[in-house]
Amino acid sequence: MNNNHLLFNKKIIFLILPILLGFFNCYSQPYESIFGTSYTSWSIQIEGIDHGDTDSLTTVYDTTFNSFNYKYIQNSYYIGISGFLREDTLLGKAWFYDPLSATEELIMDLSLNVGDTFYLNSYNNTVVDSVYYLNGKKHIQFDKIVFAYSNTIIAFKPFTFIE
């Protein structure tokens, strides 16, 4: 009778374990990748003293160094932003590696909360003033206002990380 009791306990454990694992996985889903499945491009704004223009950054190829997987990016028109990007979708972070200076800099952190600070090159430390979800995407909004425009809209908007 003791063996039946052990067998019953093992069955209960095997029935409960998948439910618990599924429950914990619901709360540990990774962030969405910033890269597409085969090709990724970003439109960027370039500002000068007497003009502004747009350019695009494009992923060119994948590579591995320093034990990390990177995507090489280059801009299509202007010179100066070529380098390597990597991400950690479990942490929601992305880094840019500059081969000229051999330095890596954190460029995105989706784990930030209201009141946290983040270093931005041209703005130094910025403070997170809100975190919200819009259309199922996490938005982390900072206290710095940046110039933003598209084909039809010119505006000043808060700097925001969007998942």
N, C-alpha and C. Protein backbone atom coordinates (compact mmCIF):
# COMPACT_ATOMS: atom_id res chain seq x y z
N MET A 1 0.81 -1.18 0.00
CA MET A 1 0.00 0.00 0.00
C MET A 1 0.87 1.27 0.00
N ASN A 2 2.03 1.16 0.58
CA ASN A 2 2.96 2.27 0.62
C ASN A 2 3.43 2.65 -0.78
N ASN A 3 3.65 1.65 -1.66
CA ASN A 3 4.07 1.91 -3.03
C ASN A 3 2.98 2.65 -3.81
N ASN A 4 1.71 2.30 -3.57
CA ASN A 4 0.60 2.99 -4.23
C ASN A 4 0.56 4.46 -3.81
N HIS A 5 0.83 4.70 -2.55
CA HIS A 5 0.83 6.07 -2.04
C HIS A 5 1.94 6.90 -2.72
N LEU A 6 3.14 6.30 -2.87
CA LEU A 6 4.25 6.98 -3.54
C LEU A 6 3.93 7.23 -5.00
N LEU A 7 3.32 6.25 -5.66
CA LEU A 7 2.95 6.39 -7.06
C LEU A 7 1.92 7.51 -7.23
N PHE A 8 0.97 7.58 -6.32
CA PHE A 8 -0.05 8.63 -6.36
C PHE A 8 0.60 10.01 -6.18
N ASN A 9 1.56 10.12 -5.24
CA ASN A 9 2.26 11.40 -5.02
C ASN A 9 3.06 11.81 -6.25
N LYS A 10 3.71 10.85 -6.92
CA LYS A 10 4.47 11.17 -8.12
C LYS A 10 3.55 11.66 -9.23
N LYS A 11 2.37 11.04 -9.36
CA LYS A 11 1.42 11.47 -10.38
C LYS A 11 0.95 12.90 -10.10
N ILE A 12 0.70 13.21 -8.85
CA ILE A 12 0.27 14.56 -8.48
C ILE A 12 1.36 15.57 -8.84
N ILE A 13 2.61 15.22 -8.52
CA ILE A 13 3.73 16.12 -8.81
C ILE A 13 3.84 16.34 -10.31
N PHE A 14 3.74 15.27 -11.11
CA PHE A 14 3.85 15.41 -12.55
C PHE A 14 2.67 16.17 -13.15
N LEU A 15 1.54 16.17 -12.49
CA LEU A 15 0.39 16.95 -12.96
C LEU A 15 0.51 18.42 -12.56
N ILE A 16 1.03 18.69 -11.38
CA ILE A 16 1.12 20.06 -10.88
C ILE A 16 2.33 20.80 -11.46
N LEU A 17 3.44 20.11 -11.68
CA LEU A 17 4.66 20.75 -12.15
C LEU A 17 4.46 21.53 -13.46
N PRO A 18 3.84 20.95 -14.50
CA PRO A 18 3.64 21.74 -15.72
C PRO A 18 2.77 22.98 -15.50
N ILE A 19 1.81 22.89 -14.62
CA ILE A 19 0.95 24.04 -14.34
C ILE A 19 1.77 25.15 -13.68
N LEU A 20 2.60 24.78 -12.70
CA LEU A 20 3.45 25.78 -12.04
C LEU A 20 4.45 26.39 -13.00
N LEU A 21 5.07 25.57 -13.83
CA LEU A 21 6.04 26.10 -14.80
C LEU A 21 5.36 27.04 -15.77
N GLY A 22 4.18 26.69 -16.22
CA GLY A 22 3.42 27.57 -17.10
C GLY A 22 3.07 28.87 -16.43
N PHE A 23 2.72 28.82 -15.15
CA PHE A 23 2.39 30.02 -14.38
C PHE A 23 3.59 30.95 -14.29
N PHE A 24 4.76 30.39 -13.97
CA PHE A 24 5.95 31.23 -13.84
C PHE A 24 6.39 31.77 -15.19
N ASN A 25 6.22 31.01 -16.26
CA ASN A 25 6.60 31.49 -17.58
C ASN A 25 5.75 32.68 -18.01
N CYS A 26 4.52 32.76 -17.52
CA CYS A 26 3.67 33.90 -17.85
C CYS A 26 4.30 35.20 -17.37
N TYR A 27 5.06 35.13 -16.29
CA TYR A 27 5.64 36.32 -15.72
C TYR A 27 7.11 36.51 -16.10
N SER A 28 7.64 35.68 -16.96
CA SER A 28 9.04 35.83 -17.36
C SER A 28 9.18 35.84 -18.87
N GLN A 29 8.17 36.36 -19.55
CA GLN A 29 8.23 36.43 -21.00
C GLN A 29 9.30 37.44 -21.40
N PRO A 30 10.06 37.13 -22.44
CA PRO A 30 11.09 38.07 -22.87
C PRO A 30 10.47 39.28 -23.58
N TYR A 31 11.26 40.33 -23.67
CA TYR A 31 10.85 41.51 -24.42
C TYR A 31 10.94 41.19 -25.90
N GLU A 32 10.23 41.94 -26.70
CA GLU A 32 10.27 41.75 -28.15
C GLU A 32 11.62 42.23 -28.68
N SER A 33 12.15 41.52 -29.66
CA SER A 33 13.44 41.87 -30.25
C SER A 33 13.33 43.19 -31.01
N ILE A 34 14.41 43.95 -31.01
CA ILE A 34 14.45 45.17 -31.81
C ILE A 34 14.80 44.86 -33.25
N PHE A 35 15.20 43.63 -33.52
CA PHE A 35 15.58 43.22 -34.87
C PHE A 35 14.45 42.44 -35.53
N GLY A 36 14.32 42.61 -36.84
CA GLY A 36 13.37 41.82 -37.61
C GLY A 36 13.92 40.43 -37.84
N THR A 37 13.15 39.60 -38.51
CA THR A 37 13.59 38.22 -38.74
C THR A 37 14.69 38.13 -39.79
N SER A 38 14.68 38.99 -40.80
CA SER A 38 15.72 38.90 -41.81
C SER A 38 16.40 40.23 -42.11
N TYR A 39 15.74 41.34 -41.84
CA TYR A 39 16.26 42.65 -42.22
C TYR A 39 15.66 43.69 -41.28
N THR A 40 16.47 44.64 -40.84
CA THR A 40 15.97 45.69 -39.97
C THR A 40 16.53 47.03 -40.43
N SER A 41 15.69 48.05 -40.42
CA SER A 41 16.12 49.38 -40.79
C SER A 41 15.41 50.39 -39.89
N TRP A 42 16.14 51.44 -39.50
CA TRP A 42 15.58 52.51 -38.68
C TRP A 42 15.77 53.82 -39.42
N SER A 43 14.77 54.66 -39.42
CA SER A 43 14.90 56.02 -39.95
C SER A 43 15.39 56.90 -38.81
N ILE A 44 16.40 57.70 -39.10
CA ILE A 44 16.96 58.57 -38.06
C ILE A 44 17.02 60.00 -38.56
N GLN A 45 17.04 60.92 -37.64
CA GLN A 45 17.15 62.33 -37.97
C GLN A 45 18.57 62.78 -37.74
N ILE A 46 19.08 63.58 -38.69
CA ILE A 46 20.41 64.14 -38.56
C ILE A 46 20.26 65.65 -38.52
N GLU A 47 20.84 66.28 -37.53
CA GLU A 47 20.74 67.73 -37.40
C GLU A 47 22.11 68.37 -37.50
N GLY A 48 22.15 69.46 -38.23
CA GLY A 48 23.36 70.25 -38.33
C GLY A 48 23.06 71.67 -37.91
N ILE A 49 24.04 72.54 -37.98
CA ILE A 49 23.83 73.94 -37.60
C ILE A 49 22.84 74.61 -38.54
N ASP A 50 22.97 74.33 -39.83
CA ASP A 50 22.13 75.03 -40.79
C ASP A 50 21.13 74.13 -41.53
N HIS A 51 20.99 72.88 -41.13
CA HIS A 51 20.04 72.01 -41.83
C HIS A 51 19.72 70.76 -41.01
N GLY A 52 18.69 70.09 -41.43
CA GLY A 52 18.34 68.79 -40.87
C GLY A 52 18.03 67.84 -42.01
N ASP A 53 18.23 66.59 -41.81
CA ASP A 53 17.98 65.60 -42.86
C ASP A 53 17.65 64.27 -42.21
N THR A 54 17.27 63.32 -43.01
CA THR A 54 17.01 61.97 -42.50
C THR A 54 17.94 60.99 -43.17
N ASP A 55 18.18 59.91 -42.51
CA ASP A 55 19.01 58.83 -43.02
C ASP A 55 18.42 57.54 -42.47
N SER A 56 18.97 56.43 -42.86
CA SER A 56 18.50 55.17 -42.29
C SER A 56 19.68 54.32 -41.85
N LEU A 57 19.48 53.62 -40.74
CA LEU A 57 20.44 52.63 -40.26
C LEU A 57 19.90 51.27 -40.66
N THR A 58 20.78 50.41 -41.14
CA THR A 58 20.36 49.10 -41.64
C THR A 58 21.27 48.02 -41.08
N THR A 59 20.68 46.89 -40.69
CA THR A 59 21.51 45.74 -40.29
C THR A 59 22.06 45.11 -41.56
N VAL A 60 23.35 44.79 -41.53
CA VAL A 60 24.02 44.27 -42.72
C VAL A 60 24.34 42.79 -42.56
N TYR A 61 24.93 42.40 -41.43
CA TYR A 61 25.27 41.00 -41.21
C TYR A 61 25.37 40.72 -39.71
N ASP A 62 25.38 39.44 -39.36
CA ASP A 62 25.54 39.00 -37.97
C ASP A 62 26.98 38.59 -37.74
N THR A 63 27.46 38.80 -36.53
CA THR A 63 28.81 38.38 -36.18
C THR A 63 28.87 38.11 -34.68
N THR A 64 29.91 37.43 -34.26
CA THR A 64 30.11 37.14 -32.84
C THR A 64 31.52 37.57 -32.44
N PHE A 65 31.62 38.34 -31.37
CA PHE A 65 32.92 38.64 -30.76
C PHE A 65 32.68 39.00 -29.30
N ASN A 66 33.73 38.92 -28.51
CA ASN A 66 33.62 39.13 -27.05
C ASN A 66 32.53 38.26 -26.43
N SER A 67 32.29 37.09 -27.01
CA SER A 67 31.29 36.12 -26.55
C SER A 67 29.85 36.60 -26.69
N PHE A 68 29.60 37.61 -27.52
CA PHE A 68 28.24 38.11 -27.75
C PHE A 68 27.91 38.08 -29.24
N ASN A 69 26.64 37.92 -29.55
CA ASN A 69 26.16 38.00 -30.93
C ASN A 69 25.76 39.44 -31.23
N TYR A 70 26.30 39.98 -32.31
CA TYR A 70 26.02 41.36 -32.71
C TYR A 70 25.46 41.38 -34.12
N LYS A 71 24.82 42.49 -34.44
CA LYS A 71 24.42 42.79 -35.81
C LYS A 71 25.18 44.05 -36.20
N TYR A 72 25.85 43.97 -37.35
CA TYR A 72 26.57 45.13 -37.85
C TYR A 72 25.54 46.07 -38.48
N ILE A 73 25.62 47.34 -38.11
CA ILE A 73 24.72 48.33 -38.70
C ILE A 73 25.53 49.41 -39.38
N GLN A 74 24.96 49.95 -40.44
CA GLN A 74 25.58 51.09 -41.10
C GLN A 74 24.49 52.03 -41.60
N ASN A 75 24.86 53.29 -41.73
CA ASN A 75 23.90 54.23 -42.27
C ASN A 75 24.07 54.28 -43.78
N SER A 76 23.00 54.66 -44.47
CA SER A 76 23.05 54.56 -45.92
C SER A 76 23.60 55.79 -46.62
N TYR A 77 23.50 56.96 -46.01
CA TYR A 77 23.90 58.16 -46.72
C TYR A 77 25.07 58.87 -46.04
N TYR A 78 24.88 59.25 -44.80
CA TYR A 78 25.93 59.96 -44.07
C TYR A 78 26.92 58.97 -43.48
N ILE A 79 28.09 59.46 -43.16
CA ILE A 79 29.13 58.60 -42.60
C ILE A 79 29.22 58.86 -41.10
N GLY A 80 29.42 57.81 -40.31
CA GLY A 80 29.70 58.04 -38.91
C GLY A 80 28.98 57.18 -37.91
N ILE A 81 27.93 56.44 -38.25
CA ILE A 81 27.21 55.69 -37.23
C ILE A 81 27.39 54.19 -37.41
N SER A 82 28.31 53.75 -38.20
CA SER A 82 28.51 52.31 -38.36
C SER A 82 29.05 51.72 -37.06
N GLY A 83 28.59 50.52 -36.75
CA GLY A 83 29.02 49.84 -35.54
C GLY A 83 28.23 48.56 -35.37
N PHE A 84 28.16 48.07 -34.15
CA PHE A 84 27.52 46.79 -33.87
C PHE A 84 26.47 46.95 -32.77
N LEU A 85 25.34 46.29 -32.95
CA LEU A 85 24.27 46.28 -31.95
C LEU A 85 24.06 44.88 -31.43
N ARG A 86 23.80 44.80 -30.14
CA ARG A 86 23.39 43.52 -29.56
C ARG A 86 22.27 43.79 -28.58
N GLU A 87 21.51 42.76 -28.29
CA GLU A 87 20.39 42.90 -27.37
C GLU A 87 20.29 41.69 -26.46
N ASP A 88 19.62 41.89 -25.35
CA ASP A 88 19.26 40.81 -24.45
C ASP A 88 17.76 40.92 -24.25
N THR A 89 17.00 40.04 -24.91
CA THR A 89 15.54 40.14 -24.87
C THR A 89 14.97 39.70 -23.53
N LEU A 90 15.74 38.98 -22.72
CA LEU A 90 15.25 38.62 -21.38
C LEU A 90 15.32 39.82 -20.44
N LEU A 91 16.35 40.65 -20.60
CA LEU A 91 16.51 41.83 -19.76
C LEU A 91 15.89 43.09 -20.37
N GLY A 92 15.63 43.05 -21.68
CA GLY A 92 15.08 44.23 -22.35
C GLY A 92 16.13 45.32 -22.54
N LYS A 93 17.36 44.92 -22.82
CA LYS A 93 18.45 45.89 -22.97
C LYS A 93 19.10 45.74 -24.34
N ALA A 94 19.68 46.86 -24.82
CA ALA A 94 20.42 46.85 -26.08
C ALA A 94 21.68 47.70 -25.90
N TRP A 95 22.75 47.28 -26.60
CA TRP A 95 24.04 47.96 -26.52
C TRP A 95 24.55 48.26 -27.92
N PHE A 96 25.29 49.37 -28.03
CA PHE A 96 25.98 49.72 -29.27
C PHE A 96 27.48 49.62 -29.01
N TYR A 97 28.17 48.89 -29.89
CA TYR A 97 29.63 48.76 -29.80
C TYR A 97 30.25 49.59 -30.91
N ASP A 98 31.09 50.54 -30.53
CA ASP A 98 31.79 51.39 -31.48
C ASP A 98 33.17 50.80 -31.74
N PRO A 99 33.43 50.30 -32.96
CA PRO A 99 34.73 49.68 -33.23
C PRO A 99 35.89 50.68 -33.23
N LEU A 100 35.62 51.95 -33.48
CA LEU A 100 36.70 52.94 -33.48
C LEU A 100 37.24 53.20 -32.09
N SER A 101 36.37 53.27 -31.11
CA SER A 101 36.82 53.51 -29.74
C SER A 101 36.89 52.23 -28.91
N ALA A 102 36.44 51.11 -29.49
CA ALA A 102 36.41 49.81 -28.80
C ALA A 102 35.64 49.90 -27.48
N THR A 103 34.53 50.65 -27.51
CA THR A 103 33.70 50.79 -26.32
C THR A 103 32.27 50.34 -26.63
N GLU A 104 31.62 49.86 -25.59
CA GLU A 104 30.23 49.45 -25.72
C GLU A 104 29.40 50.30 -24.77
N GLU A 105 28.25 50.76 -25.25
CA GLU A 105 27.40 51.63 -24.45
C GLU A 105 25.97 51.10 -24.44
N LEU A 106 25.37 51.11 -23.26
CA LEU A 106 23.97 50.73 -23.14
C LEU A 106 23.12 51.81 -23.80
N ILE A 107 22.28 51.42 -24.77
CA ILE A 107 21.47 52.41 -25.48
C ILE A 107 19.98 52.26 -25.22
N MET A 108 19.57 51.17 -24.57
CA MET A 108 18.16 50.98 -24.25
C MET A 108 18.04 50.05 -23.05
N ASP A 109 17.09 50.37 -22.17
CA ASP A 109 16.83 49.54 -21.00
C ASP A 109 15.34 49.57 -20.70
N LEU A 110 14.65 48.49 -21.06
CA LEU A 110 13.20 48.43 -20.87
C LEU A 110 12.81 47.99 -19.46
N SER A 111 13.78 47.80 -18.57
CA SER A 111 13.45 47.43 -17.19
C SER A 111 13.38 48.65 -16.27
N LEU A 112 13.56 49.84 -16.82
CA LEU A 112 13.55 51.05 -16.00
C LEU A 112 12.16 51.33 -15.44
N ASN A 113 12.14 51.97 -14.29
CA ASN A 113 10.89 52.36 -13.62
C ASN A 113 10.87 53.87 -13.42
N VAL A 114 9.71 54.40 -13.09
CA VAL A 114 9.56 55.83 -12.84
C VAL A 114 10.56 56.26 -11.76
N GLY A 115 11.29 57.34 -12.06
CA GLY A 115 12.30 57.86 -11.14
C GLY A 115 13.71 57.38 -11.43
N ASP A 116 13.86 56.29 -12.21
CA ASP A 116 15.19 55.80 -12.59
C ASP A 116 15.84 56.78 -13.56
N THR A 117 17.18 56.78 -13.59
CA THR A 117 17.91 57.62 -14.53
C THR A 117 18.57 56.77 -15.59
N PHE A 118 18.81 57.39 -16.76
CA PHE A 118 19.47 56.72 -17.87
C PHE A 118 20.36 57.75 -18.55
N TYR A 119 21.58 57.35 -18.88
CA TYR A 119 22.53 58.26 -19.52
C TYR A 119 22.30 58.28 -21.02
N LEU A 120 22.05 59.47 -21.55
CA LEU A 120 21.96 59.69 -23.00
C LEU A 120 23.08 60.64 -23.38
N ASN A 121 23.80 60.32 -24.45
CA ASN A 121 24.96 61.12 -24.85
C ASN A 121 24.72 62.61 -24.83
N SER A 122 23.73 63.08 -25.56
CA SER A 122 23.54 64.51 -25.70
C SER A 122 22.75 65.14 -24.56
N TYR A 123 22.17 64.34 -23.68
CA TYR A 123 21.36 64.88 -22.59
C TYR A 123 21.88 64.51 -21.21
N ASN A 124 23.00 63.79 -21.14
CA ASN A 124 23.52 63.29 -19.87
C ASN A 124 22.49 62.37 -19.21
N ASN A 125 22.23 62.55 -17.92
CA ASN A 125 21.27 61.68 -17.24
C ASN A 125 19.85 62.21 -17.44
N THR A 126 18.98 61.31 -17.88
CA THR A 126 17.57 61.65 -18.02
C THR A 126 16.80 60.83 -17.00
N VAL A 127 15.65 61.31 -16.60
CA VAL A 127 14.84 60.65 -15.58
C VAL A 127 13.58 60.10 -16.23
N VAL A 128 13.24 58.86 -15.88
CA VAL A 128 11.99 58.25 -16.36
C VAL A 128 10.84 58.94 -15.65
N ASP A 129 9.92 59.53 -16.44
CA ASP A 129 8.77 60.17 -15.79
C ASP A 129 7.49 59.37 -15.93
N SER A 130 7.45 58.37 -16.83
CA SER A 130 6.27 57.50 -16.89
C SER A 130 6.61 56.20 -17.61
N VAL A 131 5.88 55.16 -17.24
CA VAL A 131 5.98 53.85 -17.90
C VAL A 131 4.55 53.42 -18.17
N TYR A 132 4.27 53.10 -19.43
CA TYR A 132 2.90 52.71 -19.78
C TYR A 132 2.93 51.74 -20.97
N TYR A 133 1.79 51.12 -21.23
CA TYR A 133 1.63 50.22 -22.36
C TYR A 133 0.65 50.84 -23.34
N LEU A 134 1.00 50.81 -24.61
CA LEU A 134 0.14 51.30 -25.67
C LEU A 134 0.17 50.29 -26.81
N ASN A 135 -0.98 49.80 -27.19
CA ASN A 135 -1.09 48.77 -28.23
C ASN A 135 -0.23 47.55 -27.92
N GLY A 136 -0.16 47.18 -26.65
CA GLY A 136 0.58 46.00 -26.24
C GLY A 136 2.08 46.18 -26.17
N LYS A 137 2.58 47.39 -26.37
CA LYS A 137 4.03 47.67 -26.34
C LYS A 137 4.35 48.53 -25.12
N LYS A 138 5.42 48.17 -24.45
CA LYS A 138 5.86 48.94 -23.29
C LYS A 138 6.54 50.23 -23.76
N HIS A 139 6.18 51.35 -23.14
CA HIS A 139 6.76 52.65 -23.41
C HIS A 139 7.39 53.18 -22.12
N ILE A 140 8.64 53.61 -22.22
CA ILE A 140 9.32 54.25 -21.09
C ILE A 140 9.63 55.67 -21.53
N GLN A 141 8.96 56.62 -20.91
CA GLN A 141 9.06 58.02 -21.30
C GLN A 141 9.95 58.78 -20.33
N PHE A 142 10.83 59.63 -20.90
CA PHE A 142 11.80 60.38 -20.11
C PHE A 142 11.40 61.85 -20.00
N ASP A 143 12.13 62.56 -19.16
CA ASP A 143 11.85 63.98 -18.93
C ASP A 143 12.50 64.89 -19.97
N LYS A 144 13.13 64.37 -20.98
CA LYS A 144 13.77 65.18 -22.01
C LYS A 144 12.88 65.26 -23.25
N ILE A 145 12.75 66.45 -23.79
CA ILE A 145 11.96 66.68 -24.99
C ILE A 145 12.91 66.69 -26.19
N VAL A 146 12.54 65.98 -27.25
CA VAL A 146 13.37 65.92 -28.45
C VAL A 146 12.53 66.34 -29.65
N PHE A 147 13.20 66.82 -30.67
CA PHE A 147 12.54 67.18 -31.92
C PHE A 147 12.26 65.91 -32.70
N ALA A 148 11.04 65.73 -33.15
CA ALA A 148 10.67 64.53 -33.90
C ALA A 148 9.79 64.92 -35.07
N TYR A 149 10.02 64.27 -36.20
CA TYR A 149 9.12 64.53 -37.33
C TYR A 149 9.02 63.31 -38.22
N SER A 150 7.92 63.27 -38.95
CA SER A 150 7.72 62.25 -39.96
C SER A 150 7.44 63.00 -41.26
N ASN A 151 6.87 62.33 -42.24
CA ASN A 151 6.60 62.98 -43.52
C ASN A 151 5.61 64.14 -43.39
N THR A 152 4.73 64.08 -42.42
CA THR A 152 3.67 65.09 -42.33
C THR A 152 3.62 65.83 -41.00
N ILE A 153 4.33 65.37 -39.99
CA ILE A 153 4.20 65.95 -38.65
C ILE A 153 5.56 66.41 -38.13
N ILE A 154 5.60 67.63 -37.65
CA ILE A 154 6.79 68.14 -36.97
C ILE A 154 6.37 68.46 -35.54
N ALA A 155 7.10 67.93 -34.57
CA ALA A 155 6.69 68.12 -33.18
C ALA A 155 7.88 67.97 -32.24
N PHE A 156 7.69 68.43 -31.03
CA PHE A 156 8.62 68.18 -29.94
C PHE A 156 7.94 67.19 -29.02
N LYS A 157 8.61 66.07 -28.76
CA LYS A 157 8.00 65.00 -27.97
C LYS A 157 8.98 64.50 -26.92
N PRO A 158 8.47 63.88 -25.84
CA PRO A 158 9.37 63.30 -24.84
C PRO A 158 10.15 62.12 -25.45
N PHE A 159 11.43 62.04 -25.10
CA PHE A 159 12.23 60.90 -25.53
C PHE A 159 11.63 59.65 -24.91
N THR A 160 11.42 58.59 -25.72
CA THR A 160 10.71 57.40 -25.26
C THR A 160 11.34 56.14 -25.81
N PHE A 161 11.57 55.15 -24.95
CA PHE A 161 11.90 53.79 -25.40
C PHE A 161 10.58 53.09 -25.68
N ILE A 162 10.49 52.40 -26.81
CA ILE A 162 9.28 51.63 -27.14
C ILE A 162 9.70 50.21 -27.44
N GLU A 163 9.08 49.26 -26.75
CA GLU A 163 9.38 47.84 -26.96
C GLU A 163 9.07 47.47 -28.40
